[in-house]
Amino acid sequence: MARSTELVRGTLDLLVLKTLELGPRHGISVAERIRQITSGTFDVKPGSLFPALHRLEQNGDIRGAWTQSGEGRRVKAYQLTAQGRRQLAAEQREWQRVVGAMARVLES
C-alpha cells in the first residue's frame, strides 16, 4: 500500500465532490472511497472530512439526508446537487490548469 500523503490545500473539496459524483454516500464511506481510489495515498481523517462535508452542504454543493446504514446505524448520506456538479467541473478545470503548470515547471 502507498504511504499516506497530506492533501494539497483545496483538494479535499474536489475529492469529496468527485466521490459523490458516483452516487450518494455517508461520510465514512466517502473517506473509504478516497483511500481506495488513491491506493491509500490520501487517508482523510474525520477531523478534516466532516468539516468539509458541512461546508459543502452549507454552500449548497451537496445535500445530506439521514438514513440507516446496512448495519442499522443512523447515518447522514450526502449527494451532489446541480450546483455541486457545476462546482466540481470548475474545480476539475482549475486543478488541470495547476497540474499542467507544475508539469511545465518540472520539465524545464
PDB file of N, CA and C in Angstrom:
ATOM      1  N   MET A   1       0.856  -1.179   0.000  1.00  0.00           N
ATOM      2  CA  MET A   1       0.000   0.000   0.000  1.00  0.00           C
ATOM      3  C   MET A   1       0.896   1.233   0.000  1.00  0.00           C
ATOM      4  N   ALA A   2       0.471   2.273  -0.686  1.00  0.00           N
ATOM      5  CA  ALA A   2       1.222   3.520  -0.761  1.00  0.00           C
ATOM      6  C   ALA A   2       1.239   4.207   0.589  1.00  0.00           C
ATOM      7  N   ARG A   3       2.273   4.987   0.807  1.00  0.00           N
ATOM      8  CA  ARG A   3       2.319   5.728   2.069  1.00  0.00           C
ATOM      9  C   ARG A   3       1.375   6.911   1.976  1.00  0.00           C
ATOM     10  N   SER A   4       0.775   7.252   3.103  1.00  0.00           N
ATOM     11  CA  SER A   4      -0.199   8.336   3.159  1.00  0.00           C
ATOM     12  C   SER A   4       0.495   9.674   2.940  1.00  0.00           C
ATOM     13  N   THR A   5      -0.176  10.556   2.233  1.00  0.00           N
ATOM     14  CA  THR A   5       0.358  11.873   1.904  1.00  0.00           C
ATOM     15  C   THR A   5      -0.652  12.928   2.317  1.00  0.00           C
ATOM     16  N   GLU A   6      -0.142  14.060   2.803  1.00  0.00           N
ATOM     17  CA  GLU A   6      -1.050  15.159   3.147  1.00  0.00           C
ATOM     18  C   GLU A   6      -1.687  15.721   1.887  1.00  0.00           C
ATOM     19  N   LEU A   7      -2.943  16.108   2.025  1.00  0.00           N
ATOM     20  CA  LEU A   7      -3.643  16.718   0.903  1.00  0.00           C
ATOM     21  C   LEU A   7      -3.117  18.115   0.638  1.00  0.00           C
ATOM     22  N   VAL A   8      -3.011  18.461  -0.620  1.00  0.00           N
ATOM     23  CA  VAL A   8      -2.657  19.820  -1.012  1.00  0.00           C
ATOM     24  C   VAL A   8      -3.857  20.702  -0.695  1.00  0.00           C
ATOM     25  N   ARG A   9      -3.593  21.883  -0.203  1.00  0.00           N
ATOM     26  CA  ARG A   9      -4.667  22.800   0.160  1.00  0.00           C
ATOM     27  C   ARG A   9      -5.677  22.942  -0.982  1.00  0.00           C
ATOM     28  N   GLY A  10      -6.946  22.815  -0.636  1.00  0.00           N
ATOM     29  CA  GLY A  10      -8.003  22.996  -1.616  1.00  0.00           C
ATOM     30  C   GLY A  10      -8.414  21.738  -2.370  1.00  0.00           C
ATOM     31  N   THR A  11      -7.717  20.612  -2.137  1.00  0.00           N
ATOM     32  CA  THR A  11      -8.057  19.411  -2.898  1.00  0.00           C
ATOM     33  C   THR A  11      -9.116  18.547  -2.219  1.00  0.00           C
ATOM     34  N   LEU A  12      -9.332  18.701  -0.926  1.00  0.00           N
ATOM     35  CA  LEU A  12     -10.307  17.859  -0.238  1.00  0.00           C
ATOM     36  C   LEU A  12     -11.707  18.049  -0.809  1.00  0.00           C
ATOM     37  N   ASP A  13     -12.117  19.285  -1.031  1.00  0.00           N
ATOM     38  CA  ASP A  13     -13.442  19.531  -1.601  1.00  0.00           C
ATOM     39  C   ASP A  13     -13.578  18.845  -2.957  1.00  0.00           C
ATOM     40  N   LEU A  14     -12.548  18.943  -3.773  1.00  0.00           N
ATOM     41  CA  LEU A  14     -12.573  18.308  -5.089  1.00  0.00           C
ATOM     42  C   LEU A  14     -12.710  16.794  -4.951  1.00  0.00           C
ATOM     43  N   LEU A  15     -11.958  16.197  -4.040  1.00  0.00           N
ATOM     44  CA  LEU A  15     -12.039  14.750  -3.835  1.00  0.00           C
ATOM     45  C   LEU A  15     -13.426  14.326  -3.356  1.00  0.00           C
ATOM     46  N   VAL A  16     -14.001  15.092  -2.445  1.00  0.00           N
ATOM     47  CA  VAL A  16     -15.333  14.772  -1.927  1.00  0.00           C
ATOM     48  C   VAL A  16     -16.377  14.899  -3.035  1.00  0.00           C
ATOM     49  N   LEU A  17     -16.332  15.993  -3.768  1.00  0.00           N
ATOM     50  CA  LEU A  17     -17.304  16.195  -4.844  1.00  0.00           C
ATOM     51  C   LEU A  17     -17.189  15.101  -5.901  1.00  0.00           C
ATOM     52  N   LYS A  18     -15.975  14.753  -6.271  1.00  0.00           N
ATOM     53  CA  LYS A  18     -15.763  13.714  -7.280  1.00  0.00           C
ATOM     54  C   LYS A  18     -16.272  12.373  -6.770  1.00  0.00           C
ATOM     55  N   THR A  19     -16.039  12.075  -5.513  1.00  0.00           N
ATOM     56  CA  THR A  19     -16.515  10.820  -4.926  1.00  0.00           C
ATOM     57  C   THR A  19     -18.035  10.761  -4.934  1.00  0.00           C
ATOM     58  N   LEU A  20     -18.682  11.869  -4.620  1.00  0.00           N
ATOM     59  CA  LEU A  20     -20.144  11.898  -4.582  1.00  0.00           C
ATOM     60  C   LEU A  20     -20.765  11.941  -5.977  1.00  0.00           C
ATOM     61  N   GLU A  21     -19.957  12.236  -6.986  1.00  0.00           N
ATOM     62  CA  GLU A  21     -20.460  12.204  -8.358  1.00  0.00           C
ATOM     63  C   GLU A  21     -20.930  10.789  -8.715  1.00  0.00           C
ATOM     64  N   LEU A  22     -20.335   9.796  -8.092  1.00  0.00           N
ATOM     65  CA  LEU A  22     -20.674   8.399  -8.360  1.00  0.00           C
ATOM     66  C   LEU A  22     -21.997   7.988  -7.732  1.00  0.00           C
ATOM     67  N   GLY A  23     -22.465   8.769  -6.756  1.00  0.00           N
ATOM     68  CA  GLY A  23     -23.717   8.454  -6.085  1.00  0.00           C
ATOM     69  C   GLY A  23     -23.637   8.810  -4.615  1.00  0.00           C
ATOM     70  N   PRO A  24     -24.782   8.781  -3.931  1.00  0.00           N
ATOM     71  CA  PRO A  24     -24.822   9.162  -2.514  1.00  0.00           C
ATOM     72  C   PRO A  24     -23.959   8.235  -1.651  1.00  0.00           C
ATOM     73  N   ARG A  25     -23.339   8.827  -0.637  1.00  0.00           N
ATOM     74  CA  ARG A  25     -22.511   8.075   0.316  1.00  0.00           C
ATOM     75  C   ARG A  25     -22.585   8.771   1.665  1.00  0.00           C
ATOM     76  N   HIS A  26     -22.414   7.993   2.717  1.00  0.00           N
ATOM     77  CA  HIS A  26     -22.277   8.607   4.037  1.00  0.00           C
ATOM     78  C   HIS A  26     -20.807   8.955   4.253  1.00  0.00           C
ATOM     79  N   GLY A  27     -20.545   9.771   5.259  1.00  0.00           N
ATOM     80  CA  GLY A  27     -19.220  10.344   5.466  1.00  0.00           C
ATOM     81  C   GLY A  27     -18.076   9.361   5.464  1.00  0.00           C
ATOM     82  N   ILE A  28     -18.160   8.326   6.300  1.00  0.00           N
ATOM     83  CA  ILE A  28     -17.061   7.371   6.383  1.00  0.00           C
ATOM     84  C   ILE A  28     -16.873   6.653   5.049  1.00  0.00           C
ATOM     85  N   SER A  29     -17.959   6.408   4.333  1.00  0.00           N
ATOM     86  CA  SER A  29     -17.870   5.785   3.016  1.00  0.00           C
ATOM     87  C   SER A  29     -17.130   6.687   2.024  1.00  0.00           C
ATOM     88  N   VAL A  30     -17.299   7.996   2.161  1.00  0.00           N
ATOM     89  CA  VAL A  30     -16.568   8.945   1.310  1.00  0.00           C
ATOM     90  C   VAL A  30     -15.068   8.795   1.574  1.00  0.00           C
ATOM     91  N   ALA A  31     -14.689   8.778   2.844  1.00  0.00           N
ATOM     92  CA  ALA A  31     -13.266   8.646   3.205  1.00  0.00           C
ATOM     93  C   ALA A  31     -12.706   7.312   2.719  1.00  0.00           C
ATOM     94  N   GLU A  32     -13.472   6.238   2.874  1.00  0.00           N
ATOM     95  CA  GLU A  32     -13.020   4.914   2.427  1.00  0.00           C
ATOM     96  C   GLU A  32     -12.819   4.884   0.921  1.00  0.00           C
ATOM     97  N   ARG A  33     -13.733   5.510   0.186  1.00  0.00           N
ATOM     98  CA  ARG A  33     -13.618   5.525  -1.276  1.00  0.00           C
ATOM     99  C   ARG A  33     -12.401   6.329  -1.717  1.00  0.00           C
ATOM    100  N   ILE A  34     -12.148   7.449  -1.066  1.00  0.00           N
ATOM    101  CA  ILE A  34     -10.965   8.250  -1.405  1.00  0.00           C
ATOM    102  C   ILE A  34      -9.699   7.441  -1.137  1.00  0.00           C
ATOM    103  N   ARG A  35      -9.638   6.770   0.001  1.00  0.00           N
ATOM    104  CA  ARG A  35      -8.479   5.940   0.344  1.00  0.00           C
ATOM    105  C   ARG A  35      -8.325   4.815  -0.692  1.00  0.00           C
ATOM    106  N   GLN A  36      -9.448   4.197  -1.069  1.00  0.00           N
ATOM    107  CA  GLN A  36      -9.417   3.088  -2.019  1.00  0.00           C
ATOM    108  C   GLN A  36      -8.942   3.548  -3.398  1.00  0.00           C
ATOM    109  N   ILE A  37      -9.537   4.611  -3.901  1.00  0.00           N
ATOM    110  CA  ILE A  37      -9.239   5.043  -5.274  1.00  0.00           C
ATOM    111  C   ILE A  37      -7.820   5.618  -5.396  1.00  0.00           C
ATOM    112  N   THR A  38      -7.262   6.120  -4.285  1.00  0.00           N
ATOM    113  CA  THR A  38      -5.891   6.663  -4.317  1.00  0.00           C
ATOM    114  C   THR A  38      -4.883   5.648  -3.806  1.00  0.00           C
ATOM    115  N   SER A  39      -5.301   4.401  -3.670  1.00  0.00           N
ATOM    116  CA  SER A  39      -4.426   3.322  -3.170  1.00  0.00           C
ATOM    117  C   SER A  39      -3.764   3.695  -1.849  1.00  0.00           C
ATOM    118  N   GLY A  40      -4.511   4.384  -1.000  1.00  0.00           N
ATOM    119  CA  GLY A  40      -4.014   4.737   0.326  1.00  0.00           C
ATOM    120  C   GLY A  40      -3.165   5.988   0.383  1.00  0.00           C
ATOM    121  N   THR A  41      -2.953   6.644  -0.746  1.00  0.00           N
ATOM    122  CA  THR A  41      -2.143   7.871  -0.742  1.00  0.00           C
ATOM    123  C   THR A  41      -2.815   8.950   0.093  1.00  0.00           C
ATOM    124  N   PHE A  42      -4.136   9.074  -0.034  1.00  0.00           N
ATOM    125  CA  PHE A  42      -4.877  10.047   0.760  1.00  0.00           C
ATOM    126  C   PHE A  42      -5.760   9.307   1.754  1.00  0.00           C
ATOM    127  N   ASP A  43      -5.495   9.530   3.022  1.00  0.00           N
ATOM    128  CA  ASP A  43      -6.258   8.930   4.110  1.00  0.00           C
ATOM    129  C   ASP A  43      -6.923  10.075   4.869  1.00  0.00           C
ATOM    130  N   VAL A  44      -8.149  10.393   4.475  1.00  0.00           N
ATOM    131  CA  VAL A  44      -8.843  11.557   5.022  1.00  0.00           C
ATOM    132  C   VAL A  44      -9.402  11.209   6.392  1.00  0.00           C
ATOM    133  N   LYS A  45      -9.000  11.955   7.383  1.00  0.00           N
ATOM    134  CA  LYS A  45      -9.432  11.729   8.763  1.00  0.00           C
ATOM    135  C   LYS A  45     -10.762  12.440   9.014  1.00  0.00           C
ATOM    136  N   PRO A  46     -11.559  11.912   9.962  1.00  0.00           N
ATOM    137  CA  PRO A  46     -12.851  12.535  10.279  1.00  0.00           C
ATOM    138  C   PRO A  46     -12.740  14.010  10.649  1.00  0.00           C
ATOM    139  N   GLY A  47     -11.657  14.403  11.297  1.00  0.00           N
ATOM    140  CA  GLY A  47     -11.482  15.793  11.697  1.00  0.00           C
ATOM    141  C   GLY A  47     -11.338  16.748  10.530  1.00  0.00           C
ATOM    142  N   SER A  48     -10.973  16.226   9.376  1.00  0.00           N
ATOM    143  CA  SER A  48     -10.916  17.028   8.147  1.00  0.00           C
ATOM    144  C   SER A  48     -12.156  16.814   7.294  1.00  0.00           C
ATOM    145  N   LEU A  49     -12.614  15.569   7.236  1.00  0.00           N
ATOM    146  CA  LEU A  49     -13.723  15.222   6.355  1.00  0.00           C
ATOM    147  C   LEU A  49     -15.038  15.873   6.761  1.00  0.00           C
ATOM    148  N   PHE A  50     -15.422  15.746   8.036  1.00  0.00           N
ATOM    149  CA  PHE A  50     -16.750  16.223   8.425  1.00  0.00           C
ATOM    150  C   PHE A  50     -16.900  17.741   8.344  1.00  0.00           C
ATOM    151  N   PRO A  51     -15.876  18.519   8.705  1.00  0.00           N
ATOM    152  CA  PRO A  51     -15.999  19.967   8.455  1.00  0.00           C
ATOM    153  C   PRO A  51     -16.140  20.279   6.958  1.00  0.00           C
ATOM    154  N   ALA A  52     -15.446  19.515   6.100  1.00  0.00           N
ATOM    155  CA  ALA A  52     -15.567  19.732   4.655  1.00  0.00           C
ATOM    156  C   ALA A  52     -16.976  19.392   4.179  1.00  0.00           C
ATOM    157  N   LEU A  53     -17.532  18.279   4.657  1.00  0.00           N
ATOM    158  CA  LEU A  53     -18.902  17.912   4.286  1.00  0.00           C
ATOM    159  C   LEU A  53     -19.892  18.982   4.721  1.00  0.00           C
ATOM    160  N   HIS A  54     -19.733  19.483   5.933  1.00  0.00           N
ATOM    161  CA  HIS A  54     -20.646  20.523   6.442  1.00  0.00           C
ATOM    162  C   HIS A  54     -20.511  21.802   5.618  1.00  0.00           C
ATOM    163  N   ARG A  55     -19.275  22.176   5.282  1.00  0.00           N
ATOM    164  CA  ARG A  55     -19.047  23.388   4.489  1.00  0.00           C
ATOM    165  C   ARG A  55     -19.675  23.238   3.095  1.00  0.00           C
ATOM    166  N   LEU A  56     -19.465  22.087   2.459  1.00  0.00           N
ATOM    167  CA  LEU A  56     -20.038  21.854   1.132  1.00  0.00           C
ATOM    168  C   LEU A  56     -21.558  21.839   1.175  1.00  0.00           C
ATOM    169  N   GLU A  57     -22.113  21.326   2.281  1.00  0.00           N
ATOM    170  CA  GLU A  57     -23.569  21.322   2.431  1.00  0.00           C
ATOM    171  C   GLU A  57     -24.092  22.744   2.619  1.00  0.00           C
ATOM    172  N   GLN A  58     -23.400  23.529   3.434  1.00  0.00           N
ATOM    173  CA  GLN A  58     -23.816  24.924   3.640  1.00  0.00           C
ATOM    174  C   GLN A  58     -23.721  25.727   2.350  1.00  0.00           C
ATOM    175  N   ASN A  59     -22.735  25.413   1.515  1.00  0.00           N
ATOM    176  CA  ASN A  59     -22.559  26.113   0.238  1.00  0.00           C
ATOM    177  C   ASN A  59     -23.577  25.680  -0.809  1.00  0.00           C
ATOM    178  N   GLY A  60     -24.301  24.596  -0.532  1.00  0.00           N
ATOM    179  CA  GLY A  60     -25.288  24.100  -1.485  1.00  0.00           C
ATOM    180  C   GLY A  60     -24.720  23.151  -2.525  1.00  0.00           C
ATOM    181  N   ASP A  61     -23.455  22.730  -2.360  1.00  0.00           N
ATOM    182  CA  ASP A  61     -22.826  21.827  -3.324  1.00  0.00           C
ATOM    183  C   ASP A  61     -23.254  20.379  -3.125  1.00  0.00           C
ATOM    184  N   ILE A  62     -23.601  20.031  -1.880  1.00  0.00           N
ATOM    185  CA  ILE A  62     -24.092  18.696  -1.567  1.00  0.00           C
ATOM    186  C   ILE A  62     -25.319  18.829  -0.674  1.00  0.00           C
ATOM    187  N   ARG A  63     -26.095  17.756  -0.631  1.00  0.00           N
ATOM    188  CA  ARG A  63     -27.281  17.722   0.228  1.00  0.00           C
ATOM    189  C   ARG A  63     -27.188  16.450   1.058  1.00  0.00           C
ATOM    190  N   GLY A  64     -27.435  16.586   2.347  1.00  0.00           N
ATOM    191  CA  GLY A  64     -27.394  15.434   3.231  1.00  0.00           C
ATOM    192  C   GLY A  64     -28.780  15.054   3.715  1.00  0.00           C
ATOM    193  N   ALA A  65     -28.989  13.766   3.914  1.00  0.00           N
ATOM    194  CA  ALA A  65     -30.260  13.258   4.440  1.00  0.00           C
ATOM    195  C   ALA A  65     -29.956  12.089   5.372  1.00  0.00           C
ATOM    196  N   TRP A  66     -30.638  12.060   6.493  1.00  0.00           N
ATOM    197  CA  TRP A  66     -30.440  10.984   7.457  1.00  0.00           C
ATOM    198  C   TRP A  66     -31.085   9.710   6.951  1.00  0.00           C
ATOM    199  N   THR A  67     -30.370   8.604   7.100  1.00  0.00           N
ATOM    200  CA  THR A  67     -30.833   7.298   6.656  1.00  0.00           C
ATOM    201  C   THR A  67     -30.217   6.236   7.553  1.00  0.00           C
ATOM    202  N   GLN A  68     -30.474   4.982   7.258  1.00  0.00           N
ATOM    203  CA  GLN A  68     -29.864   3.900   8.032  1.00  0.00           C
ATOM    204  C   GLN A  68     -28.849   3.180   7.178  1.00  0.00           C
ATOM    205  N   SER A  69     -27.727   2.843   7.809  1.00  0.00           N
ATOM    206  CA  SER A  69     -26.691   2.080   7.113  1.00  0.00           C
ATOM    207  C   SER A  69     -27.131   0.626   7.010  1.00  0.00           C
ATOM    208  N   GLY A  70     -26.375  -0.179   6.286  1.00  0.00           N
ATOM    209  CA  GLY A  70     -26.658  -1.599   6.168  1.00  0.00           C
ATOM    210  C   GLY A  70     -26.620  -2.313   7.504  1.00  0.00           C
ATOM    211  N   GLU A  71     -25.867  -1.725   8.451  1.00  0.00           N
ATOM    212  CA  GLU A  71     -25.753  -2.303   9.790  1.00  0.00           C
ATOM    213  C   GLU A  71     -26.828  -1.775  10.736  1.00  0.00           C
ATOM    214  N   GLY A  72     -27.725  -0.940  10.210  1.00  0.00           N
ATOM    215  CA  GLY A  72     -28.821  -0.420  11.026  1.00  0.00           C
ATOM    216  C   GLY A  72     -28.503   0.835  11.816  1.00  0.00           C
ATOM    217  N   ARG A  73     -27.324   1.425  11.596  1.00  0.00           N
ATOM    218  CA  ARG A  73     -26.979   2.675  12.275  1.00  0.00           C
ATOM    219  C   ARG A  73     -27.537   3.861  11.510  1.00  0.00           C
ATOM    220  N   ARG A  74     -27.845   4.914  12.233  1.00  0.00           N
ATOM    221  CA  ARG A  74     -28.318   6.155  11.612  1.00  0.00           C
ATOM    222  C   ARG A  74     -27.111   6.916  11.080  1.00  0.00           C
ATOM    223  N   VAL A  75     -27.109   7.194   9.782  1.00  0.00           N
ATOM    224  CA  VAL A  75     -26.002   7.902   9.140  1.00  0.00           C
ATOM    225  C   VAL A  75     -26.567   8.981   8.226  1.00  0.00           C
ATOM    226  N   LYS A  76     -25.755   9.977   7.975  1.00  0.00           N
ATOM    227  CA  LYS A  76     -26.160  11.030   7.047  1.00  0.00           C
ATOM    228  C   LYS A  76     -25.512  10.745   5.694  1.00  0.00           C
ATOM    229  N   ALA A  77     -26.349  10.519   4.698  1.00  0.00           N
ATOM    230  CA  ALA A  77     -25.856  10.254   3.344  1.00  0.00           C
ATOM    231  C   ALA A  77     -25.876  11.563   2.567  1.00  0.00           C
ATOM    232  N   TYR A  78     -24.808  11.805   1.833  1.00  0.00           N
ATOM    233  CA  TYR A  78     -24.653  13.040   1.073  1.00  0.00           C
ATOM    234  C   TYR A  78     -24.735  12.733  -0.411  1.00  0.00           C
ATOM    235  N   GLN A  79     -25.317  13.677  -1.147  1.00  0.00           N
ATOM    236  CA  GLN A  79     -25.347  13.553  -2.597  1.00  0.00           C
ATOM    237  C   GLN A  79     -25.042  14.903  -3.222  1.00  0.00           C
ATOM    238  N   LEU A  80     -24.519  14.847  -4.417  1.00  0.00           N
ATOM    239  CA  LEU A  80     -24.158  16.040  -5.169  1.00  0.00           C
ATOM    240  C   LEU A  80     -25.422  16.745  -5.659  1.00  0.00           C
ATOM    241  N   THR A  81     -25.436  18.059  -5.580  1.00  0.00           N
ATOM    242  CA  THR A  81     -26.534  18.857  -6.130  1.00  0.00           C
ATOM    243  C   THR A  81     -26.129  19.341  -7.522  1.00  0.00           C
ATOM    244  N   ALA A  82     -27.063  19.963  -8.223  1.00  0.00           N
ATOM    245  CA  ALA A  82     -26.744  20.535  -9.542  1.00  0.00           C
ATOM    246  C   ALA A  82     -25.648  21.586  -9.397  1.00  0.00           C
ATOM    247  N   GLN A  83     -25.750  22.400  -8.354  1.00  0.00           N
ATOM    248  CA  GLN A  83     -24.699  23.402  -8.096  1.00  0.00           C
ATOM    249  C   GLN A  83     -23.370  22.704  -7.832  1.00  0.00           C
ATOM    250  N   GLY A  84     -23.411  21.582  -7.109  1.00  0.00           N
ATOM    251  CA  GLY A  84     -22.196  20.821  -6.815  1.00  0.00           C
ATOM    252  C   GLY A  84     -21.560  20.262  -8.075  1.00  0.00           C
ATOM    253  N   ARG A  85     -22.382  19.851  -9.026  1.00  0.00           N
ATOM    254  CA  ARG A  85     -21.842  19.356 -10.301  1.00  0.00           C
ATOM    255  C   ARG A  85     -21.122  20.474 -11.057  1.00  0.00           C
ATOM    256  N   ARG A  86     -21.705  21.659 -11.027  1.00  0.00           N
ATOM    257  CA  ARG A  86     -21.038  22.814 -11.665  1.00  0.00           C
ATOM    258  C   ARG A  86     -19.738  23.148 -10.942  1.00  0.00           C
ATOM    259  N   GLN A  87     -19.774  23.099  -9.608  1.00  0.00           N
ATOM    260  CA  GLN A  87     -18.577  23.382  -8.814  1.00  0.00           C
ATOM    261  C   GLN A  87     -17.491  22.341  -9.087  1.00  0.00           C
ATOM    262  N   LEU A  88     -17.893  21.080  -9.179  1.00  0.00           N
ATOM    263  CA  LEU A  88     -16.944  20.009  -9.491  1.00  0.00           C
ATOM    264  C   LEU A  88     -16.277  20.262 -10.835  1.00  0.00           C
ATOM    265  N   ALA A  89     -17.054  20.609 -11.833  1.00  0.00           N
ATOM    266  CA  ALA A  89     -16.490  20.878 -13.163  1.00  0.00           C
ATOM    267  C   ALA A  89     -15.503  22.041 -13.112  1.00  0.00           C
ATOM    268  N   ALA A  90     -15.850  23.094 -12.381  1.00  0.00           N
ATOM    269  CA  ALA A  90     -14.956  24.251 -12.262  1.00  0.00           C
ATOM    270  C   ALA A  90     -13.671  23.876 -11.532  1.00  0.00           C
ATOM    271  N   GLU A  91     -13.791  23.096 -10.460  1.00  0.00           N
ATOM    272  CA  GLU A  91     -12.603  22.695  -9.697  1.00  0.00           C
ATOM    273  C   GLU A  91     -11.728  21.743 -10.503  1.00  0.00           C
ATOM    274  N   GLN A  92     -12.330  20.886 -11.312  1.00  0.00           N
ATOM    275  CA  GLN A  92     -11.543  19.995 -12.163  1.00  0.00           C
ATOM    276  C   GLN A  92     -10.743  20.803 -13.186  1.00  0.00           C
ATOM    277  N   ARG A  93     -11.383  21.795 -13.790  1.00  0.00           N
ATOM    278  CA  ARG A  93     -10.669  22.647 -14.759  1.00  0.00           C
ATOM    279  C   ARG A  93      -9.494  23.361 -14.085  1.00  0.00           C
ATOM    280  N   GLU A  94      -9.735  23.894 -12.898  1.00  0.00           N
ATOM    281  CA  GLU A  94      -8.677  24.610 -12.183  1.00  0.00           C
ATOM    282  C   GLU A  94      -7.536  23.663 -11.810  1.00  0.00           C
ATOM    283  N   TRP A  95      -7.880  22.468 -11.336  1.00  0.00           N
ATOM    284  CA  TRP A  95      -6.848  21.508 -10.955  1.00  0.00           C
ATOM    285  C   TRP A  95      -6.020  21.105 -12.180  1.00  0.00           C
ATOM    286  N   GLN A  96      -6.659  20.900 -13.331  1.00  0.00           N
ATOM    287  CA  GLN A  96      -5.933  20.550 -14.542  1.00  0.00           C
ATOM    288  C   GLN A  96      -4.999  21.681 -14.961  1.00  0.00           C
ATOM    289  N   ARG A  97      -5.423  22.919 -14.762  1.00  0.00           N
ATOM    290  CA  ARG A  97      -4.571  24.071 -15.075  1.00  0.00           C
ATOM    291  C   ARG A  97      -3.335  24.069 -14.182  1.00  0.00           C
ATOM    292  N   VAL A  98      -3.533  23.828 -12.886  1.00  0.00           N
ATOM    293  CA  VAL A  98      -2.426  23.826 -11.923  1.00  0.00           C
ATOM    294  C   VAL A  98      -1.463  22.659 -12.222  1.00  0.00           C
ATOM    295  N   VAL A  99      -2.000  21.482 -12.492  1.00  0.00           N
ATOM    296  CA  VAL A  99      -1.172  20.317 -12.783  1.00  0.00           C
ATOM    297  C   VAL A  99      -0.355  20.575 -14.054  1.00  0.00           C
ATOM    298  N   GLY A 100      -0.968  21.158 -15.058  1.00  0.00           N
ATOM    299  CA  GLY A 100      -0.247  21.482 -16.287  1.00  0.00           C
ATOM    300  C   GLY A 100       0.895  22.451 -16.036  1.00  0.00           C
ATOM    301  N   ALA A 101       0.633  23.461 -15.214  1.00  0.00           N
ATOM    302  CA  ALA A 101       1.679  24.436 -14.893  1.00  0.00           C
ATOM    303  C   ALA A 101       2.820  23.771 -14.121  1.00  0.00           C
ATOM    304  N   MET A 102       2.492  22.900 -13.166  1.00  0.00           N
ATOM    305  CA  MET A 102       3.534  22.198 -12.407  1.00  0.00           C
ATOM    306  C   MET A 102       4.345  21.278 -13.323  1.00  0.00           C
ATOM    307  N   ALA A 103       3.675  20.616 -14.251  1.00  0.00           N
ATOM    308  CA  ALA A 103       4.381  19.738 -15.181  1.00  0.00           C
ATOM    309  C   ALA A 103       5.374  20.529 -16.028  1.00  0.00           C
ATOM    310  N   ARG A 104       4.956  21.729 -16.465  1.00  0.00           N
ATOM    311  CA  ARG A 104       5.872  22.565 -17.249  1.00  0.00           C
ATOM    312  C   ARG A 104       7.092  22.982 -16.426  1.00  0.00           C
ATOM    313  N   VAL A 105       6.875  23.288 -15.155  1.00  0.00           N
ATOM    314  CA  VAL A 105       7.984  23.663 -14.271  1.00  0.00           C
ATOM    315  C   VAL A 105       8.935  22.467 -14.094  1.00  0.00           C
ATOM    316  N   LEU A 106       8.379  21.310 -13.833  1.00  0.00           N
ATOM    317  CA  LEU A 106       9.211  20.120 -13.580  1.00  0.00           C
ATOM    318  C   LEU A 106       9.946  19.657 -14.832  1.00  0.00           C
ATOM    319  N   GLU A 107       9.391  19.912 -15.983  1.00  0.00           N
ATOM    320  CA  GLU A 107      10.025  19.507 -17.236  1.00  0.00           C
ATOM    321  C   GLU A 107      11.080  20.490 -17.707  1.00  0.00           C
ATOM    322  N   SER A 108      11.095  21.681 -17.144  1.00  0.00           N
ATOM    323  CA  SER A 108      12.055  22.699 -17.629  1.00  0.00           C
ATOM    324  C   SER A 108      13.428  22.491 -17.050  1.00  0.00           C
TER     325      SER A 108
END
